[in-house]
Amino acid sequence: MHVQRAIEAAGIPTMLITVEPAQSAAARPPRAVHPVRHAIGTPIGAAGEVADQRATLLAALDSLLHPVEPGTIREI
């Protein structure tokens, strides 16, 4: 999370996509989403599942438009 905070400090918004929300919450990321159907190793979606990958990325980008308290992890 140190890299994410450094990028945020430079004025660039970031988004963490996590499949381990409990572990990620401990670091209080500035912004984070948890795609609930995805497993470790496939945070964006399974290989070849282009529609699912696109939907995950679009949901993560949409979350940038709706700020929340740092440390909040939205389920998508």
N, C-alpha and C. Protein backbone atom coordinates (compact mmCIF):
# COMPACT_ATOMS: atom_id res chain seq x y z
N MET A 1 0.81 -1.20 0.00
CA MET A 1 0.00 0.00 0.00
C MET A 1 0.86 1.26 0.00
N HIS A 2 2.13 1.14 0.31
CA HIS A 2 2.98 2.32 0.34
C HIS A 2 3.06 2.97 -1.04
N VAL A 3 3.13 2.18 -2.09
CA VAL A 3 3.18 2.72 -3.45
C VAL A 3 1.88 3.44 -3.76
N GLN A 4 0.77 2.84 -3.38
CA GLN A 4 -0.53 3.46 -3.64
C GLN A 4 -0.62 4.81 -2.93
N ARG A 5 -0.17 4.89 -1.69
CA ARG A 5 -0.21 6.16 -0.96
C ARG A 5 0.71 7.21 -1.60
N ALA A 6 1.88 6.80 -2.08
CA ALA A 6 2.81 7.74 -2.72
C ALA A 6 2.20 8.29 -4.01
N ILE A 7 1.55 7.44 -4.78
CA ILE A 7 0.91 7.89 -6.01
C ILE A 7 -0.23 8.85 -5.68
N GLU A 8 -1.02 8.52 -4.67
CA GLU A 8 -2.11 9.40 -4.24
C GLU A 8 -1.56 10.75 -3.77
N ALA A 9 -0.44 10.75 -3.05
CA ALA A 9 0.16 11.99 -2.55
C ALA A 9 0.59 12.89 -3.70
N ALA A 10 0.89 12.30 -4.86
CA ALA A 10 1.26 13.07 -6.04
C ALA A 10 0.03 13.60 -6.78
N GLY A 11 -1.16 13.30 -6.26
CA GLY A 11 -2.40 13.80 -6.85
C GLY A 11 -3.03 12.90 -7.89
N ILE A 12 -2.57 11.65 -7.95
CA ILE A 12 -3.12 10.70 -8.92
C ILE A 12 -3.98 9.68 -8.17
N PRO A 13 -5.28 9.62 -8.48
CA PRO A 13 -6.13 8.66 -7.77
C PRO A 13 -5.77 7.23 -8.17
N THR A 14 -5.86 6.32 -7.21
CA THR A 14 -5.56 4.91 -7.43
C THR A 14 -6.75 4.06 -7.02
N MET A 15 -6.76 2.81 -7.47
CA MET A 15 -7.81 1.88 -7.10
C MET A 15 -7.19 0.51 -6.86
N LEU A 16 -7.38 -0.03 -5.68
CA LEU A 16 -6.94 -1.39 -5.36
C LEU A 16 -8.08 -2.34 -5.69
N ILE A 17 -7.78 -3.38 -6.45
CA ILE A 17 -8.74 -4.45 -6.71
C ILE A 17 -8.24 -5.65 -5.92
N THR A 18 -8.99 -6.04 -4.90
CA THR A 18 -8.53 -7.07 -3.97
C THR A 18 -9.48 -8.26 -3.90
N VAL A 19 -8.91 -9.44 -3.77
CA VAL A 19 -9.71 -10.63 -3.51
C VAL A 19 -9.56 -11.07 -2.06
N GLU A 20 -8.79 -10.32 -1.30
CA GLU A 20 -8.59 -10.56 0.13
C GLU A 20 -8.97 -9.30 0.90
N PRO A 21 -10.26 -8.96 0.99
CA PRO A 21 -10.65 -7.69 1.59
C PRO A 21 -10.27 -7.53 3.06
N ALA A 22 -10.30 -8.59 3.84
CA ALA A 22 -9.94 -8.48 5.25
C ALA A 22 -8.47 -8.09 5.40
N GLN A 23 -7.62 -8.72 4.63
CA GLN A 23 -6.19 -8.41 4.67
C GLN A 23 -5.93 -7.00 4.14
N SER A 24 -6.59 -6.62 3.06
CA SER A 24 -6.40 -5.29 2.48
C SER A 24 -6.92 -4.19 3.39
N ALA A 25 -8.01 -4.45 4.09
CA ALA A 25 -8.60 -3.43 4.97
C ALA A 25 -7.64 -3.00 6.06
N ALA A 26 -6.79 -3.89 6.50
CA ALA A 26 -5.84 -3.55 7.56
C ALA A 26 -4.90 -2.44 7.13
N ALA A 27 -4.64 -2.32 5.83
CA ALA A 27 -3.75 -1.28 5.32
C ALA A 27 -4.49 0.02 5.02
N ARG A 28 -5.80 0.03 5.15
CA ARG A 28 -6.64 1.20 4.87
C ARG A 28 -6.30 1.85 3.53
N PRO A 29 -6.50 1.15 2.43
CA PRO A 29 -6.19 1.73 1.12
C PRO A 29 -7.09 2.94 0.84
N PRO A 30 -6.57 3.92 0.09
CA PRO A 30 -7.38 5.09 -0.22
C PRO A 30 -8.68 4.74 -0.94
N ARG A 31 -8.61 3.80 -1.86
CA ARG A 31 -9.79 3.34 -2.60
C ARG A 31 -9.59 1.86 -2.92
N ALA A 32 -10.66 1.08 -2.78
CA ALA A 32 -10.54 -0.35 -3.06
C ALA A 32 -11.89 -0.94 -3.40
N VAL A 33 -11.85 -1.96 -4.25
CA VAL A 33 -13.04 -2.74 -4.58
C VAL A 33 -12.71 -4.22 -4.43
N HIS A 34 -13.75 -4.99 -4.15
CA HIS A 34 -13.61 -6.44 -4.00
C HIS A 34 -14.60 -7.12 -4.93
N PRO A 35 -14.10 -7.67 -6.05
CA PRO A 35 -14.99 -8.44 -6.91
C PRO A 35 -15.28 -9.79 -6.25
N VAL A 36 -16.45 -9.93 -5.69
CA VAL A 36 -16.77 -11.06 -4.81
C VAL A 36 -16.71 -12.42 -5.49
N ARG A 37 -16.86 -12.48 -6.80
CA ARG A 37 -16.84 -13.78 -7.50
C ARG A 37 -15.45 -14.21 -7.92
N HIS A 38 -14.45 -13.39 -7.66
CA HIS A 38 -13.10 -13.70 -8.14
C HIS A 38 -12.24 -14.30 -7.04
N ALA A 39 -11.32 -15.16 -7.45
CA ALA A 39 -10.46 -15.88 -6.52
C ALA A 39 -9.04 -15.31 -6.52
N ILE A 40 -8.25 -15.78 -5.59
CA ILE A 40 -6.85 -15.39 -5.53
C ILE A 40 -6.21 -15.73 -6.87
N GLY A 41 -5.46 -14.80 -7.42
CA GLY A 41 -4.80 -14.99 -8.69
C GLY A 41 -5.59 -14.47 -9.88
N THR A 42 -6.86 -14.16 -9.65
CA THR A 42 -7.69 -13.64 -10.74
C THR A 42 -8.51 -12.43 -10.28
N PRO A 43 -7.86 -11.37 -9.78
CA PRO A 43 -8.63 -10.24 -9.26
C PRO A 43 -9.47 -9.51 -10.30
N ILE A 44 -9.03 -9.55 -11.56
CA ILE A 44 -9.79 -8.90 -12.62
C ILE A 44 -10.80 -9.86 -13.23
N GLY A 45 -10.51 -11.14 -13.18
CA GLY A 45 -11.36 -12.17 -13.76
C GLY A 45 -10.50 -13.26 -14.36
N ALA A 46 -11.10 -14.37 -14.63
CA ALA A 46 -10.37 -15.53 -15.17
C ALA A 46 -9.85 -15.25 -16.57
N ALA A 47 -8.77 -15.92 -16.92
CA ALA A 47 -8.18 -15.79 -18.25
C ALA A 47 -9.22 -16.11 -19.32
N GLY A 48 -9.29 -15.26 -20.31
CA GLY A 48 -10.22 -15.48 -21.41
C GLY A 48 -11.62 -14.96 -21.18
N GLU A 49 -11.95 -14.58 -19.95
CA GLU A 49 -13.29 -14.07 -19.62
C GLU A 49 -13.33 -12.56 -19.82
N VAL A 50 -13.25 -12.15 -21.09
CA VAL A 50 -13.09 -10.74 -21.43
C VAL A 50 -14.26 -9.89 -20.92
N ALA A 51 -15.47 -10.35 -21.06
CA ALA A 51 -16.63 -9.57 -20.61
C ALA A 51 -16.59 -9.36 -19.10
N ASP A 52 -16.23 -10.39 -18.35
CA ASP A 52 -16.13 -10.28 -16.89
C ASP A 52 -14.99 -9.35 -16.51
N GLN A 53 -13.86 -9.46 -17.19
CA GLN A 53 -12.72 -8.58 -16.92
C GLN A 53 -13.09 -7.12 -17.18
N ARG A 54 -13.75 -6.89 -18.30
CA ARG A 54 -14.17 -5.52 -18.64
C ARG A 54 -15.15 -4.99 -17.59
N ALA A 55 -16.11 -5.79 -17.19
CA ALA A 55 -17.08 -5.35 -16.19
C ALA A 55 -16.40 -5.01 -14.87
N THR A 56 -15.41 -5.82 -14.48
CA THR A 56 -14.68 -5.55 -13.23
C THR A 56 -13.93 -4.23 -13.32
N LEU A 57 -13.23 -4.02 -14.42
CA LEU A 57 -12.48 -2.77 -14.59
C LEU A 57 -13.39 -1.56 -14.66
N LEU A 58 -14.51 -1.67 -15.35
CA LEU A 58 -15.44 -0.56 -15.42
C LEU A 58 -16.05 -0.24 -14.06
N ALA A 59 -16.36 -1.26 -13.28
CA ALA A 59 -16.89 -1.05 -11.92
C ALA A 59 -15.84 -0.38 -11.04
N ALA A 60 -14.59 -0.80 -11.17
CA ALA A 60 -13.51 -0.18 -10.39
C ALA A 60 -13.33 1.28 -10.78
N LEU A 61 -13.34 1.56 -12.07
CA LEU A 61 -13.20 2.95 -12.53
C LEU A 61 -14.39 3.79 -12.10
N ASP A 62 -15.59 3.21 -12.14
CA ASP A 62 -16.78 3.93 -11.70
C ASP A 62 -16.67 4.29 -10.21
N SER A 63 -16.03 3.42 -9.44
CA SER A 63 -15.87 3.69 -8.01
C SER A 63 -15.00 4.91 -7.75
N LEU A 64 -14.14 5.26 -8.71
CA LEU A 64 -13.32 6.48 -8.57
C LEU A 64 -14.19 7.73 -8.53
N LEU A 65 -15.36 7.65 -9.15
CA LEU A 65 -16.26 8.80 -9.21
C LEU A 65 -17.07 9.00 -7.94
N HIS A 66 -17.06 7.99 -7.06
CA HIS A 66 -17.86 8.03 -5.84
C HIS A 66 -16.96 7.83 -4.63
N PRO A 67 -16.30 8.90 -4.18
CA PRO A 67 -15.35 8.75 -3.07
C PRO A 67 -16.01 8.24 -1.79
N VAL A 68 -15.23 7.48 -1.05
CA VAL A 68 -15.66 6.95 0.25
C VAL A 68 -14.53 7.18 1.25
N GLU A 69 -14.79 6.88 2.49
CA GLU A 69 -13.77 6.99 3.55
C GLU A 69 -12.62 6.04 3.23
N PRO A 70 -11.35 6.50 3.33
CA PRO A 70 -10.23 5.58 3.13
C PRO A 70 -10.36 4.34 4.01
N GLY A 71 -10.05 3.20 3.45
CA GLY A 71 -10.19 1.95 4.17
C GLY A 71 -11.48 1.21 3.84
N THR A 72 -12.42 1.91 3.19
CA THR A 72 -13.67 1.28 2.77
C THR A 72 -13.40 0.45 1.53
N ILE A 73 -13.88 -0.78 1.53
CA ILE A 73 -13.71 -1.65 0.37
C ILE A 73 -15.09 -1.99 -0.16
N ARG A 74 -15.36 -1.53 -1.35
CA ARG A 74 -16.68 -1.77 -1.97
C ARG A 74 -16.71 -3.14 -2.60
N GLU A 75 -17.82 -3.83 -2.41
CA GLU A 75 -18.01 -5.12 -3.09
C GLU A 75 -18.62 -4.84 -4.45
N ILE A 76 -18.07 -5.50 -5.46
CA ILE A 76 -18.62 -5.37 -6.81
C ILE A 76 -18.86 -6.75 -7.38
